Protein backbone atom coordinates (compact mmCIF):
# COMPACT_ATOMS: atom_id res chain seq x y z
CA MET A 1 10.52 17.61 -9.78
CA ILE A 2 12.01 21.20 -9.68
CA ARG A 3 11.66 22.84 -13.11
CA GLU A 4 14.17 25.12 -14.63
CA PHE A 5 13.83 28.75 -13.37
CA ILE A 6 12.68 30.76 -16.29
CA ASP A 7 13.33 34.53 -16.81
CA ARG A 8 13.13 37.10 -14.04
CA GLU A 9 16.78 38.11 -14.81
CA GLU A 10 15.92 41.82 -14.22
CA GLU A 11 14.37 40.99 -10.78
CA ARG A 12 17.11 38.73 -9.68
CA ALA A 13 19.72 41.45 -10.67
CA LEU A 14 17.83 44.00 -8.62
CA LEU A 15 17.89 41.77 -5.59
CA GLU A 16 21.57 41.06 -5.99
CA ARG A 17 22.31 44.70 -6.08
CA GLU A 18 20.44 45.25 -2.83
CA TRP A 19 22.40 42.53 -1.27
CA ALA A 20 25.67 44.05 -2.24
CA ALA A 21 24.79 47.56 -1.32
CA PRO A 22 25.97 48.86 2.05
CA GLY A 23 23.83 49.11 5.30
CA GLY A 24 20.52 47.63 6.02
CA ARG A 25 18.27 46.80 3.12
CA LEU A 26 14.49 46.75 3.25
CA ILE A 27 12.82 45.20 0.14
CA ILE A 28 9.13 44.72 -0.54
CA LEU A 29 8.20 42.03 -3.12
CA TYR A 30 4.63 41.75 -4.15
CA GLY A 31 2.48 40.40 -6.90
CA ARG A 32 -0.65 38.36 -7.37
CA ARG A 33 -0.86 34.63 -6.24
CA ARG A 34 0.95 32.04 -8.32
CA ILE A 35 3.17 34.66 -10.01
CA GLY A 36 6.35 33.07 -8.73
CA LYS A 37 7.45 35.12 -5.75
CA THR A 38 8.50 32.24 -3.57
CA ARG A 39 10.50 30.63 -6.43
CA LEU A 40 12.22 33.96 -7.10
CA ILE A 41 12.96 34.27 -3.28
CA ASP A 42 14.36 30.64 -3.25
CA GLU A 43 16.73 31.47 -6.05
CA PHE A 44 17.95 34.65 -4.53
CA ILE A 45 18.66 33.34 -1.09
CA ARG A 46 20.34 30.15 -2.33
CA ASP A 47 23.91 29.79 -0.75
CA LYS A 48 23.32 32.87 1.37
CA PRO A 49 22.95 32.89 5.20
CA GLY A 50 19.77 33.96 6.83
CA ILE A 51 16.24 33.32 8.12
CA LEU A 52 13.28 32.23 5.86
CA SER A 53 9.86 32.41 7.58
CA ILE A 54 6.68 31.54 5.52
CA ALA A 55 3.80 33.13 7.57
CA GLU A 56 0.45 31.49 7.98
CA ASP A 57 -2.95 32.95 8.33
CA ALA A 58 -3.10 32.41 12.08
CA SER A 59 -3.22 34.47 15.29
CA PRO A 60 -0.35 36.83 16.00
CA HIS A 61 0.63 34.67 18.89
CA ILE A 62 1.19 31.62 16.64
CA GLN A 63 2.92 33.99 13.89
CA ILE A 64 5.35 35.32 16.56
CA ALA A 65 6.26 31.83 17.73
CA GLN A 66 6.85 30.66 14.16
CA LEU A 67 9.46 33.42 13.46
CA LYS A 68 10.89 33.13 16.87
CA THR A 69 11.62 29.42 16.16
CA ARG A 70 13.21 30.24 12.88
CA CYS A 71 15.42 32.89 14.52
CA ALA A 72 16.55 30.46 17.21
CA ASP A 73 17.36 27.84 14.88
CA PHE A 74 19.56 30.13 12.71
CA PHE A 75 21.40 31.64 15.70
CA ARG A 76 21.56 28.35 17.55
CA ASP A 77 20.08 29.86 20.43
CA PRO A 78 18.30 27.55 22.94
CA PHE A 79 17.58 30.43 25.34
CA LEU A 80 15.46 32.28 22.67
CA ALA A 81 13.79 29.05 21.81
CA SER A 82 12.68 28.69 25.50
CA LEU A 83 11.29 32.21 25.79
CA ASP A 84 7.74 32.92 25.61
CA ILE A 85 7.79 36.10 23.34
CA ALA A 86 4.39 37.79 23.26
CA SER A 87 5.07 40.74 21.02
CA TRP A 88 6.58 41.62 17.82
CA GLU A 89 8.56 44.39 19.56
CA GLN A 90 10.32 41.86 21.57
CA LEU A 91 11.19 39.64 18.61
CA PHE A 92 12.51 42.61 16.41
CA THR A 93 14.39 44.01 19.36
CA TYR A 94 16.20 40.70 19.61
CA LEU A 95 17.13 40.84 15.85
CA ALA A 96 18.26 44.46 15.96
CA GLN A 97 20.52 43.82 18.86
CA LYS A 98 21.96 40.66 17.35
CA PRO A 99 25.49 41.26 16.14
CA LEU A 100 26.23 40.16 12.58
CA THR A 101 29.50 39.26 11.06
CA GLU A 102 28.24 39.30 7.44
CA ARG A 103 25.32 40.26 5.27
CA THR A 104 22.19 38.21 6.43
CA TYR A 105 18.79 37.97 5.08
CA LEU A 106 15.45 37.96 7.01
CA VAL A 107 12.74 36.95 4.50
CA ILE A 108 9.10 36.81 5.66
CA ASP A 109 6.92 35.34 2.75
CA GLU A 110 3.24 35.91 2.86
CA PHE A 111 3.87 39.07 5.01
CA THR A 112 0.29 40.16 4.31
CA TYR A 113 -1.06 37.51 6.58
CA LEU A 114 0.99 39.30 9.47
CA ILE A 115 -0.32 42.62 8.77
CA ARG A 116 -3.81 41.46 8.22
CA ASN A 117 -3.93 39.90 11.65
CA ASP A 118 -1.83 42.59 13.46
CA PRO A 119 -1.13 45.76 11.53
CA SER A 120 1.10 47.01 14.42
CA VAL A 121 3.86 44.94 13.11
CA LEU A 122 4.54 47.64 10.63
CA SER A 123 5.03 50.30 13.35
CA VAL A 124 7.30 47.83 15.40
CA LEU A 125 9.41 47.19 12.33
CA GLN A 126 9.59 50.87 11.42
CA LYS A 127 10.87 51.69 14.95
CA ALA A 128 13.44 48.84 14.84
CA TRP A 129 14.54 49.98 11.45
CA ASP A 130 14.96 53.56 12.40
CA ARG A 131 16.93 52.65 15.71
CA SER A 132 19.48 50.23 14.32
CA LEU A 133 18.54 47.87 11.41
CA SER A 134 18.99 50.62 8.77
CA GLY A 135 22.66 50.65 9.57
CA SER A 136 23.01 46.91 10.04
CA SER A 137 23.95 44.12 7.80
CA TRP A 138 20.40 42.72 7.69
CA CYS A 139 18.80 42.47 4.27
CA ILE A 140 15.10 42.29 5.06
CA LEU A 141 12.72 41.06 2.41
CA LEU A 142 8.85 41.15 2.78
CA SER A 143 6.78 39.45 0.47
CA GLY A 144 2.95 39.48 0.02
CA SER A 145 0.15 38.32 -2.23
CA ILE A 146 -2.86 40.15 -1.01
CA LEU A 147 -2.25 43.25 -3.16
CA SER A 148 -4.90 45.30 -1.40
CA LEU A 149 -3.07 45.06 2.00
CA MET A 150 0.23 45.53 0.47
CA SER A 151 -0.83 48.60 -1.35
CA ASP A 152 -2.71 50.15 1.42
CA LEU A 153 -0.56 49.08 4.54
CA ALA A 154 2.88 48.50 3.35
CA LEU A 155 3.37 50.74 0.25
CA SER A 156 1.24 53.83 0.64
CA SER A 157 2.37 57.21 1.88
CA THR A 158 0.49 56.75 5.16
CA SER A 159 2.39 53.41 5.83
CA PRO A 160 4.91 53.24 8.79
CA LEU A 161 7.31 51.78 6.22
CA TYR A 162 7.07 54.61 3.79
CA GLY A 163 10.44 56.14 3.08
CA ARG A 164 12.21 53.27 4.86
CA ARG A 165 12.01 50.49 2.02
CA THR A 166 15.21 50.65 -0.12
CA ARG A 167 13.38 48.68 -3.06
CA ASP A 168 10.08 47.58 -4.01
CA ILE A 169 9.35 45.03 -6.81
CA LEU A 170 5.97 44.22 -8.42
CA LEU A 171 6.31 40.74 -9.90
CA GLY A 172 4.43 40.71 -13.20
CA PRO A 173 3.59 37.74 -15.55
CA LEU A 174 5.89 36.25 -17.98
CA ARG A 175 5.86 37.19 -21.60
CA PHE A 176 5.04 34.93 -24.40
CA SER A 177 8.58 34.19 -25.31
CA ASP A 178 9.30 32.77 -21.98
CA ALA A 179 5.84 31.26 -21.36
CA CYS A 180 6.29 29.09 -24.45
CA LYS A 181 9.20 27.24 -22.60
CA PHE A 182 6.57 25.64 -20.20
CA PHE A 183 4.83 23.91 -23.10
CA GLY A 184 5.29 20.88 -25.39
CA PHE A 185 2.51 21.33 -27.71
CA PRO A 186 2.43 23.00 -31.15
CA PHE A 187 2.77 26.80 -31.54
CA PRO A 188 -0.97 27.44 -32.34
CA ASP A 189 -1.95 25.60 -29.01
CA ALA A 190 0.76 27.46 -27.12
CA LEU A 191 -0.66 30.83 -28.26
CA LYS A 192 -4.24 29.91 -27.42
CA VAL A 193 -3.28 28.72 -23.96
CA TYR A 194 -1.22 31.92 -23.35
CA LEU A 195 -4.14 34.14 -24.46
CA SER A 196 -6.37 32.30 -22.00
CA ILE A 197 -4.30 32.07 -18.84
CA GLY A 198 -1.44 34.68 -19.37
CA GLY A 199 2.07 34.48 -18.14
CA VAL A 200 1.46 33.24 -14.51
CA PRO A 201 4.21 30.69 -13.91
CA GLU A 202 2.14 28.23 -11.87
CA TYR A 203 -0.70 28.33 -14.40
CA LEU A 204 1.84 27.61 -17.20
CA LEU A 205 3.05 24.63 -15.26
CA LYS A 206 -0.35 23.32 -14.98
CA ALA A 207 -0.96 23.75 -18.78
CA GLY A 208 2.39 22.28 -19.61
CA ALA A 209 1.42 18.97 -18.32
CA TYR A 210 -1.03 18.56 -21.32
CA GLU A 211 -0.49 17.39 -24.85
CA ASP A 212 -2.97 19.72 -26.38
CA CYS A 213 -5.16 22.78 -25.38
CA ASP A 214 -8.58 20.97 -25.73
CA SER A 215 -7.78 18.56 -23.15
CA PHE A 216 -6.43 21.10 -20.89
CA TYR A 217 -9.48 23.35 -21.08
CA ARG A 218 -11.84 20.34 -20.47
CA THR A 219 -9.92 18.97 -17.50
CA GLU A 220 -8.93 22.23 -15.76
CA PHE A 221 -11.79 24.63 -16.56
CA PHE A 222 -14.88 22.81 -17.49
CA ASN A 223 -14.60 20.40 -14.66
CA ARG A 224 -15.91 20.91 -11.12
CA TYR A 225 -12.64 19.55 -9.91
CA GLY A 226 -10.51 21.50 -12.36
CA TYR A 227 -7.62 23.64 -11.04
CA PHE A 228 -9.03 26.79 -12.65
CA TYR A 229 -12.69 26.08 -11.84
CA HIS A 230 -12.53 27.94 -8.48
CA GLU A 231 -9.46 30.06 -8.98
CA PRO A 232 -11.09 33.42 -9.72
CA TYR A 233 -13.41 33.07 -6.86
CA PHE A 234 -10.67 32.05 -4.56
CA ILE A 235 -8.57 35.20 -5.47
CA LEU A 236 -11.53 37.62 -5.17
CA SER A 237 -12.32 36.17 -1.78
CA GLN A 238 -8.85 36.91 -0.54
CA GLU A 239 -9.09 40.50 -1.72
CA PHE A 240 -12.63 41.59 -1.34
CA ARG A 241 -15.71 41.20 0.91
CA GLU A 242 -18.55 42.25 -1.45
CA LEU A 243 -18.03 39.19 -3.74
CA LYS A 244 -21.30 39.38 -5.40
CA VAL A 245 -20.80 42.91 -6.53
CA TYR A 246 -17.29 42.32 -8.00
CA GLN A 247 -18.40 39.07 -9.73
CA SER A 248 -21.36 41.04 -11.35
CA VAL A 249 -19.00 43.82 -12.53
CA LEU A 250 -16.69 41.32 -13.97
CA HIS A 251 -19.39 39.45 -15.57
CA ALA A 252 -20.76 42.78 -17.08
CA ILE A 253 -17.39 43.52 -18.61
CA ALA A 254 -16.87 39.95 -20.08
CA LEU A 255 -20.17 40.27 -21.83
CA GLY A 256 -19.13 43.40 -23.51
CA ASN A 257 -20.41 46.07 -21.26
CA THR A 258 -17.30 48.16 -21.22
CA ALA A 259 -18.73 51.76 -20.51
CA PRO A 260 -19.29 52.54 -16.70
CA THR A 261 -23.01 53.30 -17.43
CA ALA A 262 -23.46 49.99 -19.08
CA ILE A 263 -21.62 48.18 -16.37
CA ALA A 264 -23.76 49.94 -13.57
CA GLN A 265 -27.00 49.10 -15.39
CA PHE A 266 -26.01 45.48 -15.68
CA CYS A 267 -25.19 45.28 -12.08
CA GLY A 268 -28.29 47.34 -10.80
CA LEU A 269 -26.07 50.17 -9.47
CA ASP A 270 -25.87 53.92 -9.81
CA THR A 271 -23.12 54.76 -12.02
CA ARG A 272 -21.33 56.76 -9.39
CA HIS A 273 -21.27 53.72 -7.25
CA VAL A 274 -19.50 51.41 -9.64
CA TYR A 275 -16.42 53.31 -9.97
CA PRO A 276 -14.94 52.28 -6.44
CA TYR A 277 -15.27 48.62 -7.65
CA LEU A 278 -13.53 49.26 -10.86
CA GLU A 279 -10.75 51.32 -9.12
CA SER A 280 -10.13 48.50 -6.57
CA MET A 281 -9.83 45.97 -9.43
CA ILE A 282 -7.45 48.31 -11.46
CA ARG A 283 -5.21 48.43 -8.53
CA LEU A 284 -5.11 44.57 -8.41
CA GLY A 285 -4.51 44.32 -12.17
CA LEU A 286 -7.71 42.55 -12.77
CA VAL A 287 -9.30 45.36 -14.78
CA GLU A 288 -7.68 48.15 -16.80
CA LYS A 289 -8.98 51.42 -17.96
CA GLU A 290 -8.24 52.20 -21.72
CA VAL A 291 -8.17 55.39 -23.46
CA PRO A 292 -8.09 55.68 -27.18
CA LEU A 293 -4.60 56.61 -28.46
CA LEU A 294 -4.97 59.67 -30.57
CA GLY A 295 -8.58 59.86 -29.35
CA ALA A 296 -10.62 61.64 -26.68
CA SER A 297 -10.14 60.62 -23.06
CA ARG A 298 -13.85 60.83 -22.42
CA GLN A 299 -14.24 57.75 -24.68
CA ALA A 300 -12.43 55.58 -21.95
CA ILE A 301 -13.72 52.05 -21.48
CA TYR A 302 -12.99 49.24 -19.09
CA ARG A 303 -11.75 45.72 -19.98
CA ILE A 304 -10.77 42.63 -17.88
CA ARG A 305 -6.95 42.62 -17.84
CA ASP A 306 -6.28 39.29 -16.23
CA ARG A 307 -6.75 36.69 -18.84
CA VAL A 308 -7.75 33.83 -16.59
CA PHE A 309 -10.56 36.07 -15.21
CA ASP A 310 -11.62 37.15 -18.70
CA PHE A 311 -11.74 33.63 -20.06
CA TRP A 312 -13.57 32.39 -16.87
CA TYR A 313 -16.14 34.98 -16.86
CA CYS A 314 -16.73 34.58 -20.67
CA TYR A 315 -17.12 30.76 -20.63
CA VAL A 316 -17.08 28.97 -17.33
CA PHE A 317 -19.21 31.39 -15.24
CA PRO A 318 -22.25 31.04 -17.48
CA ARG A 319 -22.01 27.23 -17.43
CA ARG A 320 -21.54 26.75 -13.65
CA GLN A 321 -24.73 24.74 -13.30
CA GLU A 322 -23.85 22.23 -16.17
CA ILE A 323 -20.26 22.01 -14.73
CA GLU A 324 -21.45 21.45 -11.18
CA THR A 325 -23.85 18.61 -12.32
CA GLY A 326 -21.12 17.02 -14.27
CA HIS A 327 -22.63 17.70 -17.62
CA PRO A 328 -20.78 20.50 -19.28
CA GLY A 329 -21.53 19.15 -22.74
CA PRO A 330 -19.26 17.10 -25.18
CA VAL A 331 -18.33 20.18 -27.25
CA LEU A 332 -16.24 23.08 -25.93
CA PRO A 333 -17.57 26.56 -26.60
CA ASP A 334 -16.50 28.57 -29.45
CA PHE A 335 -13.45 30.38 -28.15
CA ASN A 336 -12.53 32.23 -31.33
CA PRO A 337 -14.17 35.54 -30.56
CA TYR A 338 -12.12 35.64 -27.25
CA PHE A 339 -8.91 34.51 -28.97
CA GLY A 340 -9.44 37.23 -31.54
CA ARG A 341 -9.83 39.97 -29.02
CA HIS A 342 -6.89 38.89 -26.90
CA PHE A 343 -4.80 38.46 -30.10
CA GLU A 344 -5.22 42.30 -30.68
CA ALA A 345 -4.02 42.88 -27.25
CA PHE A 346 -0.98 40.51 -27.63
CA VAL A 347 0.00 42.35 -30.94
CA ARG A 348 -0.28 45.78 -29.14
CA ASP A 349 1.44 44.79 -25.78
CA GLU A 350 4.17 42.45 -27.07
CA PHE A 351 4.71 41.78 -30.73
CA ALA A 352 4.56 45.34 -31.74
CA GLY A 353 7.42 46.18 -29.44
CA ILE A 354 9.48 43.61 -31.27
CA ILE A 355 8.80 44.95 -34.89
CA LEU A 356 8.28 48.57 -33.92
CA PRO A 357 10.77 49.33 -31.02
CA GLY A 358 10.46 52.69 -29.49
CA TYR A 359 6.91 53.08 -30.71
CA ARG A 360 4.11 53.97 -28.18
CA THR A 361 1.24 51.65 -28.88
CA GLY A 362 -2.54 51.45 -28.16
CA HIS A 363 -5.62 51.34 -30.22
CA TRP A 364 -8.26 53.77 -31.44
CA TRP A 365 -12.21 53.91 -31.40
CA TYR A 366 -15.06 56.30 -31.89
CA LYS A 367 -18.59 55.15 -31.86
CA GLU A 368 -18.81 52.09 -34.31
CA ASP A 369 -15.28 52.63 -35.82
CA GLU A 370 -12.30 50.98 -34.27
CA ILE A 371 -8.64 50.34 -35.31
CA ASP A 372 -6.94 47.52 -33.55
CA LEU A 373 -3.42 48.97 -33.50
CA VAL A 374 -2.25 52.48 -33.35
CA ALA A 375 1.62 53.05 -33.00
CA VAL A 376 3.29 56.40 -32.95
CA ASP A 377 7.00 57.41 -32.91
CA ASN A 378 7.47 61.03 -32.39
CA THR A 379 11.20 60.85 -33.39
CA SER A 380 10.33 59.87 -36.99
CA SER A 381 7.06 61.54 -37.01
CA THR A 382 5.41 58.09 -38.05
CA VAL A 383 2.14 56.70 -37.25
CA VAL A 384 1.16 53.06 -37.94
CA PHE A 385 -2.27 51.78 -38.26
CA GLY A 386 -2.82 48.12 -37.94
CA GLU A 387 -5.61 45.36 -38.07
CA CYS A 388 -5.46 42.02 -36.25
CA LYS A 389 -7.19 38.85 -37.51
CA TRP A 390 -7.19 35.49 -35.72
CA GLY A 391 -7.72 33.18 -38.80
CA ASP A 392 -6.11 32.70 -42.18
CA ILE A 393 -6.36 35.46 -44.69
CA SER A 394 -6.35 35.36 -48.43
CA LEU A 395 -4.56 37.82 -50.68
CA GLN A 396 -7.96 39.21 -51.74
CA GLN A 397 -9.22 39.51 -48.09
CA ALA A 398 -6.03 41.07 -47.09
CA LYS A 399 -6.39 43.97 -49.69
CA LYS A 400 -9.92 44.63 -48.70
CA ILE A 401 -8.98 44.77 -44.97
CA LEU A 402 -6.11 47.11 -45.73
CA ALA A 403 -8.42 49.33 -47.89
CA VAL A 404 -10.91 49.63 -45.06
CA LEU A 405 -8.19 50.27 -42.67
CA LYS A 406 -6.98 53.30 -44.81
CA THR A 407 -10.39 54.61 -44.82
CA LYS A 408 -10.95 54.45 -41.04
CA SER A 409 -7.51 56.03 -40.35
CA LYS A 410 -8.61 59.32 -42.08
CA LEU A 411 -11.06 59.65 -39.07
CA VAL A 412 -7.95 59.73 -36.62
CA GLN A 413 -6.59 63.12 -35.65
CA ALA A 414 -3.07 62.36 -36.55
CA GLY A 415 -1.99 65.44 -38.39
CA GLN A 416 1.08 65.76 -36.40
CA TYR A 417 2.66 62.61 -37.94
CA ARG A 418 3.92 63.16 -41.62
CA HIS A 419 4.40 59.48 -42.39
CA ARG A 420 1.68 56.78 -42.31
CA LYS A 421 2.17 53.23 -42.44
CA TYR A 422 -0.40 50.32 -42.57
CA ALA A 423 0.02 46.90 -40.99
CA LEU A 424 -1.79 43.50 -41.00
CA PHE A 425 -1.48 40.83 -38.40
CA SER A 426 -2.76 37.33 -38.40
CA ALA A 427 -2.44 34.41 -35.96
CA GLY A 428 -3.01 32.15 -39.05
CA THR A 429 -1.46 32.35 -42.55
CA ILE A 430 -1.67 35.37 -44.89
CA THR A 431 -1.46 34.36 -48.39
CA GLY A 432 0.69 36.68 -50.62
CA LYS A 433 2.24 38.38 -47.70
CA ASP A 434 5.57 39.06 -49.55
CA ARG A 435 3.56 40.71 -52.41
CA LEU A 436 1.89 43.05 -49.95
CA ARG A 437 5.23 43.78 -48.26
CA ASP A 438 6.61 44.82 -51.78
CA GLU A 439 3.63 47.20 -51.91
CA GLY A 440 4.91 48.86 -48.67
CA TYR A 441 2.62 47.18 -46.19
CA LEU A 442 3.75 45.69 -42.79
CA VAL A 443 2.51 42.17 -42.81
CA PHE A 444 3.02 39.52 -40.27
CA ASP A 445 1.45 36.11 -39.71
CA ARG A 446 1.80 33.06 -37.49
CA ALA A 447 5.27 32.21 -38.96
CA ASP A 448 6.56 35.65 -38.09
CA ILE A 449 5.21 35.57 -34.68
CA GLU A 450 6.71 32.09 -34.07
CA GLY A 451 9.99 32.97 -35.40
CA SER A 452 10.13 36.12 -33.10
CA ARG A 453 10.22 34.13 -29.85
């Protein structure tokens, strides 16, 4: 069953503008696996004339033959079908010389399989583009999932396509408001699942087949036949060769080793040797480097950005032996520390943008002190300090949390902001939140988050 296509309005609008623009168009669409690139392409090319070829990880000879067949079918050219075309140059020369009467697309999905097996395809395409395709009615869209190859060979300044592409689109995950449309279970479970798998559409479809989050976790994570049991390993194996080192780095960060020195010690590496691994994973969106807002840049730490990877390395990776033997245990691990940490990130990255539009958000830490949310607005000279809690909060607890927050905020170098505000966020219920609001605090709990979708 084909599900309703959710969100991607901005990306669809960009593609339609490229389609309507004059001359040849060369678009690069990239993003991690399962993010919805193929579905977006399907929506874009619907009711348009053109050639769609989905590349396979095969020899260049087979790949050329596959694209040749698609071209012959579209142009109804039996002569082309009968030819034994042995090079990309022959095939693109054919396309460049073919007269078009209307805008026509050429989509090569999984383009990274082509450039991995024969990088010369980039130079061939560049020459064909410079000679004739740039002034033609072709709209060429190249889509790829192996981000390291797309970055190094198709998007970098040394790529033959540099300066030729008319648009590149990095397709990111869906936000919570759209991710919820995949689920049928209650809001608390929807938030838990979103915090553990993020906004990857195919992941959301998998979770949406369940009635509650516990059964989803048991079946898909803590089961050797589960969808997510091998997923991080599969993605790493597509991108990197030194799998053991990358796995060690991710495991180190998941266990709370966020400083480069601590990560290196955990992995048995010199600190200077751990940076290339971190940088490679940052480029792919698996890891992120964080610097405290209104703090010192030398205090930078590293966190796992991809939620499936973080959840997997926190809870699945340490239990592989039990899962492999079919004895993961009747009781699920305590996920609350993980949910609490990612709820803070959710507030900073998504919810704060709704209630504090125009503010720059982050968080602050120094030694043992940390503030979950710091949001600044230079126009109004205002800084907001906030704390985030995963569970229910009584009025007495809320007042104590806010008092501690005020004390910690004095440690932050924020003298350029004349106005200070204090906020409290909860994924549960905050008793007496109206009273706290009357006292001037910004207070939001589950009901407010659910109502903001």
